[in-house]
PDB file of N, CA and C in Angstrom:
ATOM      1  N   MET A   1      12.380   4.602 -10.794  1.00  0.00           N
ATOM      2  CA  MET A   1      11.100   5.136 -11.245  1.00  0.00           C
ATOM      3  C   MET A   1       9.965   4.266 -10.699  1.00  0.00           C
ATOM      4  N   ILE A   2       8.915   4.915 -10.311  1.00  0.00           N
ATOM      5  CA  ILE A   2       7.769   4.212  -9.759  1.00  0.00           C
ATOM      6  C   ILE A   2       6.716   4.062 -10.840  1.00  0.00           C
ATOM      7  N   ASP A   3       6.317   2.822 -11.079  1.00  0.00           N
ATOM      8  CA  ASP A   3       5.301   2.525 -12.075  1.00  0.00           C
ATOM      9  C   ASP A   3       3.950   2.482 -11.374  1.00  0.00           C
ATOM     10  N   ARG A   4       3.021   3.291 -11.833  1.00  0.00           N
ATOM     11  CA  ARG A   4       1.709   3.373 -11.196  1.00  0.00           C
ATOM     12  C   ARG A   4       0.697   2.528 -11.950  1.00  0.00           C
ATOM     13  N   ASN A   5       0.863   1.229 -11.913  1.00  0.00           N
ATOM     14  CA  ASN A   5      -0.064   0.328 -12.582  1.00  0.00           C
ATOM     15  C   ASN A   5      -1.093  -0.132 -11.557  1.00  0.00           C
ATOM     16  N   HIS A   6      -2.132   0.664 -11.385  1.00  0.00           N
ATOM     17  CA  HIS A   6      -3.129   0.432 -10.340  1.00  0.00           C
ATOM     18  C   HIS A   6      -3.949  -0.834 -10.557  1.00  0.00           C
ATOM     19  N   ASP A   7      -4.064  -1.267 -11.802  1.00  0.00           N
ATOM     20  CA  ASP A   7      -4.872  -2.452 -12.088  1.00  0.00           C
ATOM     21  C   ASP A   7      -4.286  -3.713 -11.472  1.00  0.00           C
ATOM     22  N   ASN A   8      -2.992  -3.729 -11.263  1.00  0.00           N
ATOM     23  CA  ASN A   8      -2.333  -4.929 -10.743  1.00  0.00           C
ATOM     24  C   ASN A   8      -2.217  -4.960  -9.223  1.00  0.00           C
ATOM     25  N   ILE A   9      -2.634  -3.931  -8.537  1.00  0.00           N
ATOM     26  CA  ILE A   9      -2.432  -3.856  -7.086  1.00  0.00           C
ATOM     27  C   ILE A   9      -3.102  -5.016  -6.360  1.00  0.00           C
ATOM     28  N   THR A  10      -4.343  -5.296  -6.671  1.00  0.00           N
ATOM     29  CA  THR A  10      -5.061  -6.378  -5.986  1.00  0.00           C
ATOM     30  C   THR A  10      -4.415  -7.726  -6.261  1.00  0.00           C
ATOM     31  N   THR A  11      -4.077  -7.975  -7.518  1.00  0.00           N
ATOM     32  CA  THR A  11      -3.452  -9.241  -7.889  1.00  0.00           C
ATOM     33  C   THR A  11      -2.111  -9.401  -7.183  1.00  0.00           C
ATOM     34  N   LEU A  12      -1.310  -8.352  -7.203  1.00  0.00           N
ATOM     35  CA  LEU A  12      -0.001  -8.420  -6.550  1.00  0.00           C
ATOM     36  C   LEU A  12      -0.124  -8.586  -5.038  1.00  0.00           C
ATOM     37  N   ALA A  13      -1.105  -7.934  -4.449  1.00  0.00           N
ATOM     38  CA  ALA A  13      -1.308  -8.073  -3.002  1.00  0.00           C
ATOM     39  C   ALA A  13      -1.686  -9.509  -2.639  1.00  0.00           C
ATOM     40  N   GLN A  14      -2.505 -10.138  -3.472  1.00  0.00           N
ATOM     41  CA  GLN A  14      -2.880 -11.538  -3.224  1.00  0.00           C
ATOM     42  C   GLN A  14      -1.680 -12.464  -3.382  1.00  0.00           C
ATOM     43  N   LYS A  15      -0.872 -12.234  -4.420  1.00  0.00           N
ATOM     44  CA  LYS A  15       0.325 -13.044  -4.626  1.00  0.00           C
ATOM     45  C   LYS A  15       1.304 -12.855  -3.465  1.00  0.00           C
ATOM     46  N   LYS A  16       1.430 -11.633  -3.022  1.00  0.00           N
ATOM     47  CA  LYS A  16       2.327 -11.344  -1.902  1.00  0.00           C
ATOM     48  C   LYS A  16       1.867 -12.102  -0.654  1.00  0.00           C
ATOM     49  N   GLN A  17       0.579 -12.118  -0.405  1.00  0.00           N
ATOM     50  CA  GLN A  17       0.045 -12.839   0.754  1.00  0.00           C
ATOM     51  C   GLN A  17       0.337 -14.333   0.651  1.00  0.00           C
ATOM     52  N   GLN A  18       0.182 -14.894  -0.550  1.00  0.00           N
ATOM     53  CA  GLN A  18       0.463 -16.313  -0.756  1.00  0.00           C
ATOM     54  C   GLN A  18       1.938 -16.625  -0.503  1.00  0.00           C
ATOM     55  N   VAL A  19       2.820 -15.774  -1.001  1.00  0.00           N
ATOM     56  CA  VAL A  19       4.253 -15.983  -0.796  1.00  0.00           C
ATOM     57  C   VAL A  19       4.607 -15.869   0.684  1.00  0.00           C
ATOM     58  N   MET A  20       3.999 -14.913   1.370  1.00  0.00           N
ATOM     59  CA  MET A  20       4.259 -14.759   2.808  1.00  0.00           C
ATOM     60  C   MET A  20       3.819 -16.004   3.580  1.00  0.00           C
ATOM     61  N   GLU A  21       2.691 -16.570   3.199  1.00  0.00           N
ATOM     62  CA  GLU A  21       2.215 -17.791   3.847  1.00  0.00           C
ATOM     63  C   GLU A  21       3.153 -18.960   3.562  1.00  0.00           C
ATOM     64  N   GLN A  22       3.651 -19.049   2.323  1.00  0.00           N
ATOM     65  CA  GLN A  22       4.600 -20.104   1.979  1.00  0.00           C
ATOM     66  C   GLN A  22       5.903 -19.943   2.763  1.00  0.00           C
ATOM     67  N   LEU A  23       6.376 -18.719   2.886  1.00  0.00           N
ATOM     68  CA  LEU A  23       7.593 -18.460   3.663  1.00  0.00           C
ATOM     69  C   LEU A  23       7.424 -18.873   5.118  1.00  0.00           C
ATOM     70  N   GLN A  24       6.275 -18.566   5.667  1.00  0.00           N
ATOM     71  CA  GLN A  24       6.015 -18.930   7.055  1.00  0.00           C
ATOM     72  C   GLN A  24       6.000 -20.452   7.221  1.00  0.00           C
ATOM     73  N   THR A  25       5.405 -21.163   6.278  1.00  0.00           N
ATOM     74  CA  THR A  25       5.370 -22.628   6.326  1.00  0.00           C
ATOM     75  C   THR A  25       6.780 -23.211   6.255  1.00  0.00           C
ATOM     76  N   VAL A  26       7.579 -22.710   5.309  1.00  0.00           N
ATOM     77  CA  VAL A  26       8.952 -23.205   5.167  1.00  0.00           C
ATOM     78  C   VAL A  26       9.767 -22.869   6.413  1.00  0.00           C
ATOM     79  N   ASP A  27       9.577 -21.686   6.953  1.00  0.00           N
ATOM     80  CA  ASP A  27      10.293 -21.293   8.168  1.00  0.00           C
ATOM     81  C   ASP A  27       9.957 -22.231   9.322  1.00  0.00           C
ATOM     82  N   GLN A  28       8.698 -22.604   9.457  1.00  0.00           N
ATOM     83  CA  GLN A  28       8.299 -23.535  10.514  1.00  0.00           C
ATOM     84  C   GLN A  28       8.904 -24.919  10.288  1.00  0.00           C
ATOM     85  N   GLN A  29       8.982 -25.345   9.029  1.00  0.00           N
ATOM     86  CA  GLN A  29       9.591 -26.640   8.726  1.00  0.00           C
ATOM     87  C   GLN A  29      11.080 -26.636   9.083  1.00  0.00           C
ATOM     88  N   ILE A  30      11.762 -25.558   8.745  1.00  0.00           N
ATOM     89  CA  ILE A  30      13.187 -25.451   9.081  1.00  0.00           C
ATOM     90  C   ILE A  30      13.377 -25.434  10.592  1.00  0.00           C
ATOM     91  N   ALA A  31      12.507 -24.716  11.279  1.00  0.00           N
ATOM     92  CA  ALA A  31      12.618 -24.624  12.740  1.00  0.00           C
ATOM     93  C   ALA A  31      12.479 -25.994  13.408  1.00  0.00           C
ATOM     94  N   THR A  32      11.677 -26.883  12.827  1.00  0.00           N
ATOM     95  CA  THR A  32      11.519 -28.210  13.427  1.00  0.00           C
ATOM     96  C   THR A  32      12.724 -29.107  13.127  1.00  0.00           C
ATOM     97  N   GLN A  33      13.468 -28.794  12.066  1.00  0.00           N
ATOM     98  CA  GLN A  33      14.614 -29.609  11.679  1.00  0.00           C
ATOM     99  C   GLN A  33      15.914 -29.161  12.351  1.00  0.00           C
ATOM    100  N   ILE A  34      15.993 -27.909  12.726  1.00  0.00           N
ATOM    101  CA  ILE A  34      17.204 -27.386  13.377  1.00  0.00           C
ATOM    102  C   ILE A  34      16.828 -26.984  14.802  1.00  0.00           C
ATOM    103  N   PRO A  35      17.367 -27.670  15.791  1.00  0.00           N
ATOM    104  CA  PRO A  35      17.023 -27.355  17.187  1.00  0.00           C
ATOM    105  C   PRO A  35      17.352 -25.906  17.551  1.00  0.00           C
ATOM    106  N   GLN A  36      16.593 -25.384  18.493  1.00  0.00           N
ATOM    107  CA  GLN A  36      16.760 -24.007  18.957  1.00  0.00           C
ATOM    108  C   GLN A  36      18.190 -23.794  19.463  1.00  0.00           C
ATOM    109  N   GLY A  37      18.817 -22.720  19.032  1.00  0.00           N
ATOM    110  CA  GLY A  37      20.158 -22.382  19.485  1.00  0.00           C
ATOM    111  C   GLY A  37      21.261 -23.007  18.649  1.00  0.00           C
ATOM    112  N   GLN A  38      20.951 -23.968  17.829  1.00  0.00           N
ATOM    113  CA  GLN A  38      21.958 -24.598  16.977  1.00  0.00           C
ATOM    114  C   GLN A  38      22.124 -23.756  15.718  1.00  0.00           C
ATOM    115  N   SER A  39      23.360 -23.594  15.261  1.00  0.00           N
ATOM    116  CA  SER A  39      23.596 -22.762  14.085  1.00  0.00           C
ATOM    117  C   SER A  39      23.197 -23.505  12.808  1.00  0.00           C
ATOM    118  N   LEU A  40      22.980 -22.732  11.792  1.00  0.00           N
ATOM    119  CA  LEU A  40      22.584 -23.259  10.492  1.00  0.00           C
ATOM    120  C   LEU A  40      23.753 -24.037   9.886  1.00  0.00           C
ATOM    121  N   PRO A  41      23.496 -25.185   9.276  1.00  0.00           N
ATOM    122  CA  PRO A  41      24.587 -25.922   8.619  1.00  0.00           C
ATOM    123  C   PRO A  41      25.277 -25.043   7.571  1.00  0.00           C
ATOM    124  N   GLU A  42      26.559 -25.198   7.444  1.00  0.00           N
ATOM    125  CA  GLU A  42      27.387 -24.360   6.569  1.00  0.00           C
ATOM    126  C   GLU A  42      26.887 -24.348   5.122  1.00  0.00           C
ATOM    127  N   TYR A  43      26.426 -25.461   4.616  1.00  0.00           N
ATOM    128  CA  TYR A  43      26.001 -25.524   3.218  1.00  0.00           C
ATOM    129  C   TYR A  43      24.740 -24.694   2.946  1.00  0.00           C
ATOM    130  N   LEU A  44      24.016 -24.281   3.992  1.00  0.00           N
ATOM    131  CA  LEU A  44      22.813 -23.462   3.808  1.00  0.00           C
ATOM    132  C   LEU A  44      23.094 -21.956   3.886  1.00  0.00           C
ATOM    133  N   ASN A  45      24.303 -21.574   4.266  1.00  0.00           N
ATOM    134  CA  ASN A  45      24.622 -20.143   4.396  1.00  0.00           C
ATOM    135  C   ASN A  45      24.460 -19.357   3.096  1.00  0.00           C
ATOM    136  N   PRO A  46      24.881 -19.883   1.925  1.00  0.00           N
ATOM    137  CA  PRO A  46      24.631 -19.112   0.688  1.00  0.00           C
ATOM    138  C   PRO A  46      23.137 -18.891   0.428  1.00  0.00           C
ATOM    139  N   LEU A  47      22.333 -19.895   0.721  1.00  0.00           N
ATOM    140  CA  LEU A  47      20.889 -19.756   0.539  1.00  0.00           C
ATOM    141  C   LEU A  47      20.324 -18.717   1.516  1.00  0.00           C
ATOM    142  N   LYS A  48      20.833 -18.737   2.738  1.00  0.00           N
ATOM    143  CA  LYS A  48      20.403 -17.747   3.735  1.00  0.00           C
ATOM    144  C   LYS A  48      20.754 -16.338   3.260  1.00  0.00           C
ATOM    145  N   GLN A  49      21.940 -16.156   2.725  1.00  0.00           N
ATOM    146  CA  GLN A  49      22.358 -14.840   2.230  1.00  0.00           C
ATOM    147  C   GLN A  49      21.464 -14.380   1.082  1.00  0.00           C
ATOM    148  N   GLN A  50      21.131 -15.296   0.188  1.00  0.00           N
ATOM    149  CA  GLN A  50      20.256 -14.969  -0.935  1.00  0.00           C
ATOM    150  C   GLN A  50      18.870 -14.547  -0.432  1.00  0.00           C
ATOM    151  N   ILE A  51      18.365 -15.243   0.551  1.00  0.00           N
ATOM    152  CA  ILE A  51      17.056 -14.916   1.136  1.00  0.00           C
ATOM    153  C   ILE A  51      17.097 -13.536   1.773  1.00  0.00           C
ATOM    154  N   LEU A  52      18.172 -13.229   2.507  1.00  0.00           N
ATOM    155  CA  LEU A  52      18.296 -11.915   3.148  1.00  0.00           C
ATOM    156  C   LEU A  52      18.341 -10.793   2.110  1.00  0.00           C
ATOM    157  N   GLU A  53      19.014 -11.032   0.979  1.00  0.00           N
ATOM    158  CA  GLU A  53      19.054 -10.036  -0.090  1.00  0.00           C
ATOM    159  C   GLU A  53      17.666  -9.831  -0.704  1.00  0.00           C
ATOM    160  N   LEU A  54      16.936 -10.922  -0.890  1.00  0.00           N
ATOM    161  CA  LEU A  54      15.573 -10.823  -1.430  1.00  0.00           C
ATOM    162  C   LEU A  54      14.648 -10.077  -0.470  1.00  0.00           C
ATOM    163  N   ILE A  55      14.823 -10.313   0.819  1.00  0.00           N
ATOM    164  CA  ILE A  55      14.013  -9.611   1.818  1.00  0.00           C
ATOM    165  C   ILE A  55      14.283  -8.117   1.746  1.00  0.00           C
ATOM    166  N   THR A  56      15.553  -7.743   1.606  1.00  0.00           N
ATOM    167  CA  THR A  56      15.905  -6.325   1.501  1.00  0.00           C
ATOM    168  C   THR A  56      15.260  -5.699   0.266  1.00  0.00           C
ATOM    169  N   GLN A  57      15.307  -6.415  -0.868  1.00  0.00           N
ATOM    170  CA  GLN A  57      14.667  -5.913  -2.088  1.00  0.00           C
ATOM    171  C   GLN A  57      13.160  -5.765  -1.907  1.00  0.00           C
ATOM    172  N   CYS A  58      12.536  -6.736  -1.240  1.00  0.00           N
ATOM    173  CA  CYS A  58      11.086  -6.665  -0.994  1.00  0.00           C
ATOM    174  C   CYS A  58      10.735  -5.464  -0.131  1.00  0.00           C
ATOM    175  N   GLN A  59      11.544  -5.200   0.887  1.00  0.00           N
ATOM    176  CA  GLN A  59      11.285  -4.056   1.752  1.00  0.00           C
ATOM    177  C   GLN A  59      11.396  -2.751   0.975  1.00  0.00           C
ATOM    178  N   GLU A  60      12.393  -2.668   0.081  1.00  0.00           N
ATOM    179  CA  GLU A  60      12.544  -1.464  -0.740  1.00  0.00           C
ATOM    180  C   GLU A  60      11.340  -1.287  -1.668  1.00  0.00           C
ATOM    181  N   HIS A  61      10.883  -2.380  -2.268  1.00  0.00           N
ATOM    182  CA  HIS A  61       9.711  -2.310  -3.158  1.00  0.00           C
ATOM    183  C   HIS A  61       8.459  -1.927  -2.373  1.00  0.00           C
ATOM    184  N   ASN A  62       8.319  -2.440  -1.165  1.00  0.00           N
ATOM    185  CA  ASN A  62       7.177  -2.067  -0.329  1.00  0.00           C
ATOM    186  C   ASN A  62       7.179  -0.572  -0.034  1.00  0.00           C
ATOM    187  N   GLN A  63       8.357  -0.022   0.243  1.00  0.00           N
ATOM    188  CA  GLN A  63       8.445   1.418   0.500  1.00  0.00           C
ATOM    189  C   GLN A  63       8.073   2.217  -0.742  1.00  0.00           C
ATOM    190  N   GLN A  64       8.568   1.784  -1.903  1.00  0.00           N
ATOM    191  CA  GLN A  64       8.239   2.468  -3.156  1.00  0.00           C
ATOM    192  C   GLN A  64       6.741   2.383  -3.448  1.00  0.00           C
ATOM    193  N   ASN A  65       6.164   1.212  -3.230  1.00  0.00           N
ATOM    194  CA  ASN A  65       4.727   1.047  -3.464  1.00  0.00           C
ATOM    195  C   ASN A  65       3.923   1.910  -2.501  1.00  0.00           C
ATOM    196  N   GLY A  66       4.349   1.963  -1.247  1.00  0.00           N
ATOM    197  CA  GLY A  66       3.673   2.816  -0.272  1.00  0.00           C
ATOM    198  C   GLY A  66       3.725   4.275  -0.679  1.00  0.00           C
ATOM    199  N   TYR A  67       4.870   4.701  -1.189  1.00  0.00           N
ATOM    200  CA  TYR A  67       5.023   6.075  -1.653  1.00  0.00           C
ATOM    201  C   TYR A  67       4.089   6.347  -2.835  1.00  0.00           C
ATOM    202  N   ALA A  68       4.028   5.407  -3.791  1.00  0.00           N
ATOM    203  CA  ALA A  68       3.147   5.574  -4.949  1.00  0.00           C
ATOM    204  C   ALA A  68       1.686   5.628  -4.523  1.00  0.00           C
ATOM    205  N   ILE A  69       1.311   4.794  -3.565  1.00  0.00           N
ATOM    206  CA  ILE A  69      -0.067   4.806  -3.060  1.00  0.00           C
ATOM    207  C   ILE A  69      -0.379   6.136  -2.392  1.00  0.00           C
ATOM    208  N   ASP A  70       0.560   6.644  -1.582  1.00  0.00           N
ATOM    209  CA  ASP A  70       0.351   7.942  -0.935  1.00  0.00           C
ATOM    210  C   ASP A  70       0.191   9.052  -1.965  1.00  0.00           C
ATOM    211  N   LEU A  71       1.020   9.023  -3.008  1.00  0.00           N
ATOM    212  CA  LEU A  71       0.893  10.033  -4.068  1.00  0.00           C
ATOM    213  C   LEU A  71      -0.469   9.946  -4.751  1.00  0.00           C
ATOM    214  N   SER A  72      -0.927   8.733  -5.016  1.00  0.00           N
ATOM    215  CA  SER A  72      -2.225   8.547  -5.670  1.00  0.00           C
ATOM    216  C   SER A  72      -3.363   9.048  -4.790  1.00  0.00           C
ATOM    217  N   ILE A  73      -3.288   8.739  -3.507  1.00  0.00           N
ATOM    218  CA  ILE A  73      -4.327   9.196  -2.580  1.00  0.00           C
ATOM    219  C   ILE A  73      -4.349  10.709  -2.518  1.00  0.00           C
ATOM    220  N   ASN A  74      -3.171  11.327  -2.450  1.00  0.00           N
ATOM    221  CA  ASN A  74      -3.111  12.792  -2.412  1.00  0.00           C
ATOM    222  C   ASN A  74      -3.659  13.406  -3.694  1.00  0.00           C
ATOM    223  N   SER A  75      -3.343  12.797  -4.837  1.00  0.00           N
ATOM    224  CA  SER A  75      -3.865  13.295  -6.112  1.00  0.00           C
ATOM    225  C   SER A  75      -5.386  13.188  -6.159  1.00  0.00           C
ATOM    226  N   LEU A  76      -5.917  12.074  -5.687  1.00  0.00           N
ATOM    227  CA  LEU A  76      -7.374  11.901  -5.661  1.00  0.00           C
ATOM    228  C   LEU A  76      -8.034  12.917  -4.730  1.00  0.00           C
ATOM    229  N   GLU A  77      -7.400  13.188  -3.591  1.00  0.00           N
ATOM    230  CA  GLU A  77      -7.962  14.185  -2.666  1.00  0.00           C
ATOM    231  C   GLU A  77      -7.968  15.572  -3.304  1.00  0.00           C
ATOM    232  N   ARG A  78      -6.886  15.936  -4.010  1.00  0.00           N
ATOM    233  CA  ARG A  78      -6.850  17.239  -4.689  1.00  0.00           C
ATOM    234  C   ARG A  78      -7.926  17.321  -5.767  1.00  0.00           C
ATOM    235  N   LEU A  79      -8.080  16.242  -6.527  1.00  0.00           N
ATOM    236  CA  LEU A  79      -9.106  16.206  -7.566  1.00  0.00           C
ATOM    237  C   LEU A  79     -10.495  16.332  -6.954  1.00  0.00           C
ATOM    238  N   LYS A  80     -10.725  15.633  -5.863  1.00  0.00           N
ATOM    239  CA  LYS A  80     -12.019  15.696  -5.188  1.00  0.00           C
ATOM    240  C   LYS A  80     -12.308  17.121  -4.702  1.00  0.00           C
ATOM    241  N   ARG A  81     -11.299  17.759  -4.110  1.00  0.00           N
ATOM    242  CA  ARG A  81     -11.485  19.140  -3.644  1.00  0.00           C
ATOM    243  C   ARG A  81     -11.788  20.075  -4.808  1.00  0.00           C
ATOM    244  N   ALA A  82     -11.097  19.868  -5.948  1.00  0.00           N
ATOM    245  CA  ALA A  82     -11.330  20.719  -7.114  1.00  0.00           C
ATOM    246  C   ALA A  82     -12.747  20.536  -7.646  1.00  0.00           C
ATOM    247  N   ILE A  83     -13.216  19.299  -7.684  1.00  0.00           N
ATOM    248  CA  ILE A  83     -14.582  19.029  -8.157  1.00  0.00           C
ATOM    249  C   ILE A  83     -15.598  19.645  -7.204  1.00  0.00           C
ATOM    250  N   ILE A  84     -15.388  19.497  -5.918  1.00  0.00           N
ATOM    251  CA  ILE A  84     -16.313  20.075  -4.929  1.00  0.00           C
ATOM    252  C   ILE A  84     -16.329  21.588  -5.054  1.00  0.00           C
ATOM    253  N   LEU A  85     -15.150  22.181  -5.195  1.00  0.00           N
ATOM    254  CA  LEU A  85     -15.069  23.632  -5.324  1.00  0.00           C
ATOM    255  C   LEU A  85     -15.787  24.107  -6.579  1.00  0.00           C
ATOM    256  N   LYS A  86     -15.584  23.406  -7.675  1.00  0.00           N
ATOM    257  CA  LYS A  86     -16.228  23.781  -8.931  1.00  0.00           C
ATOM    258  C   LYS A  86     -17.747  23.651  -8.827  1.00  0.00           C
ATOM    259  N   ARG A  87     -18.201  22.563  -8.215  1.00  0.00           N
ATOM    260  CA  ARG A  87     -19.638  22.314  -8.107  1.00  0.00           C
ATOM    261  C   ARG A  87     -20.314  23.277  -7.140  1.00  0.00           C
ATOM    262  N   SER A  88     -19.615  23.608  -6.063  1.00  0.00           N
ATOM    263  CA  SER A  88     -20.265  24.406  -5.024  1.00  0.00           C
ATOM    264  C   SER A  88     -20.034  25.903  -5.165  1.00  0.00           C
ATOM    265  N   GLY A  89     -19.277  26.294  -6.151  1.00  0.00           N
ATOM    266  CA  GLY A  89     -19.015  27.721  -6.314  1.00  0.00           C
ATOM    267  C   GLY A  89     -18.161  28.223  -5.168  1.00  0.00           C
ATOM    268  N   ASN A  90     -18.618  29.272  -4.496  1.00  0.00           N
ATOM    269  CA  ASN A  90     -17.825  29.818  -3.398  1.00  0.00           C
ATOM    270  C   ASN A  90     -18.420  29.481  -2.033  1.00  0.00           C
ATOM    271  N   SER A  91     -19.266  28.491  -1.971  1.00  0.00           N
ATOM    272  CA  SER A  91     -19.893  28.151  -0.690  1.00  0.00           C
ATOM    273  C   SER A  91     -19.306  26.867  -0.103  1.00  0.00           C
ATOM    274  N   MET A  92     -18.038  26.587  -0.374  1.00  0.00           N
ATOM    275  CA  MET A  92     -17.417  25.373   0.132  1.00  0.00           C
ATOM    276  C   MET A  92     -17.212  25.500   1.641  1.00  0.00           C
ATOM    277  N   THR A  93     -17.489  24.416   2.335  1.00  0.00           N
ATOM    278  CA  THR A  93     -17.260  24.350   3.779  1.00  0.00           C
ATOM    279  C   THR A  93     -16.382  23.140   4.075  1.00  0.00           C
ATOM    280  N   TYR A  94     -16.060  22.960   5.343  1.00  0.00           N
ATOM    281  CA  TYR A  94     -15.219  21.842   5.751  1.00  0.00           C
ATOM    282  C   TYR A  94     -15.927  21.054   6.842  1.00  0.00           C
ATOM    283  N   ASN A  95     -15.753  19.743   6.817  1.00  0.00           N
ATOM    284  CA  ASN A  95     -16.364  18.920   7.860  1.00  0.00           C
ATOM    285  C   ASN A  95     -15.472  18.891   9.096  1.00  0.00           C
ATOM    286  N   ALA A  96     -15.840  18.097  10.104  1.00  0.00           N
ATOM    287  CA  ALA A  96     -15.115  18.058  11.363  1.00  0.00           C
ATOM    288  C   ALA A  96     -13.686  17.539  11.196  1.00  0.00           C
ATOM    289  N   LYS A  97     -13.448  16.772  10.151  1.00  0.00           N
ATOM    290  CA  LYS A  97     -12.105  16.233   9.917  1.00  0.00           C
ATOM    291  C   LYS A  97     -11.267  17.128   9.007  1.00  0.00           C
ATOM    292  N   GLY A  98     -11.808  18.288   8.625  1.00  0.00           N
ATOM    293  CA  GLY A  98     -11.077  19.219   7.785  1.00  0.00           C
ATOM    294  C   GLY A  98     -11.145  18.917   6.304  1.00  0.00           C
ATOM    295  N   LYS A  99     -12.031  18.027   5.917  1.00  0.00           N
ATOM    296  CA  LYS A  99     -12.193  17.689   4.504  1.00  0.00           C
ATOM    297  C   LYS A  99     -13.174  18.663   3.862  1.00  0.00           C
ATOM    298  N   ALA A 100     -12.880  19.063   2.620  1.00  0.00           N
ATOM    299  CA  ALA A 100     -13.741  20.002   1.906  1.00  0.00           C
ATOM    300  C   ALA A 100     -15.039  19.333   1.511  1.00  0.00           C
ATOM    301  N   GLN A 101     -16.113  20.130   1.565  1.00  0.00           N
ATOM    302  CA  GLN A 101     -17.422  19.645   1.118  1.00  0.00           C
ATOM    303  C   GLN A 101     -18.206  20.827   0.595  1.00  0.00           C
ATOM    304  N   GLY A 102     -19.080  20.561  -0.386  1.00  0.00           N
ATOM    305  CA  GLY A 102     -19.910  21.615  -0.939  1.00  0.00           C
ATOM    306  C   GLY A 102     -20.978  22.007   0.073  1.00  0.00           C
ATOM    307  N   GLY A 103     -21.344  23.271   0.093  1.00  0.00           N
ATOM    308  CA  GLY A 103     -22.308  23.694   1.090  1.00  0.00           C
ATOM    309  C   GLY A 103     -23.308  24.699   0.579  1.00  0.00           C
ATOM    310  N   THR A 104     -23.881  24.491  -0.570  1.00  0.00           N
ATOM    311  CA  THR A 104     -24.872  25.431  -1.078  1.00  0.00           C
ATOM    312  C   THR A 104     -26.181  25.260  -0.327  1.00  0.00           C
ATOM    313  N   LEU A 105     -26.894  26.334  -0.205  1.00  0.00           N
ATOM    314  CA  LEU A 105     -28.167  26.307   0.511  1.00  0.00           C
ATOM    315  C   LEU A 105     -29.224  25.512  -0.244  1.00  0.00           C
ATOM    316  N   SER A 106     -29.136  25.511  -1.567  1.00  0.00           N
ATOM    317  CA  SER A 106     -30.147  24.806  -2.341  1.00  0.00           C
ATOM    318  C   SER A 106     -29.750  23.374  -2.626  1.00  0.00           C
ATOM    319  N   GLY A 107     -28.677  22.905  -2.004  1.00  0.00           N
ATOM    320  CA  GLY A 107     -28.241  21.530  -2.240  1.00  0.00           C
ATOM    321  C   GLY A 107     -27.550  21.377  -3.568  1.00  0.00           C
ATOM    322  N   GLY A 108     -27.156  22.511  -4.189  1.00  0.00           N
ATOM    323  CA  GLY A 108     -26.440  22.445  -5.457  1.00  0.00           C
ATOM    324  C   GLY A 108     -27.352  22.497  -6.669  1.00  0.00           C
ATOM    325  N   TYR A 109     -28.652  22.515  -6.464  1.00  0.00           N
ATOM    326  CA  TYR A 109     -29.592  22.526  -7.576  1.00  0.00           C
ATOM    327  C   TYR A 109     -30.477  23.763  -7.466  1.00  0.00           C
ATOM    328  N   ILE A 110     -30.772  24.334  -8.603  1.00  0.00           N
ATOM    329  CA  ILE A 110     -31.672  25.486  -8.646  1.00  0.00           C
ATOM    330  C   ILE A 110     -32.926  25.056  -9.379  1.00  0.00           C
ATOM    331  N   SER A 111     -34.054  25.284  -8.739  1.00  0.00           N
ATOM    332  CA  SER A 111     -35.310  24.890  -9.382  1.00  0.00           C
ATOM    333  C   SER A 111     -36.168  26.130  -9.576  1.00  0.00           C
ATOM    334  N   ALA A 112     -37.019  26.089 -10.565  1.00  0.00           N
ATOM    335  CA  ALA A 112     -37.863  27.246 -10.862  1.00  0.00           C
ATOM    336  C   ALA A 112     -39.249  27.034 -10.317  1.00  0.00           C
TER     337      ALA A 112
END
């Protein structure tokens, strides 16, 4: 199930960026300690496996979050079209990108 907690998106995105930066730093530190082409010491293989599993989980969560964001954007676009249609009556037009827009001759207001 996808949880649509939009309030946390910015906070989570910032935390994700911080973790990515930390991972990059640790990766660079490991690269300086293990010469190029040399295999990882045996005692680090369980840790490597755990990291690979976490990466797979992160990728799955990213896909789910992307899907939730796409659904939210589509819902907002439908709502926007409905509001424009309601406001503009039957004079709705479309812009060059195919997006709906109100197109009344009086600008949507009637004055006496």
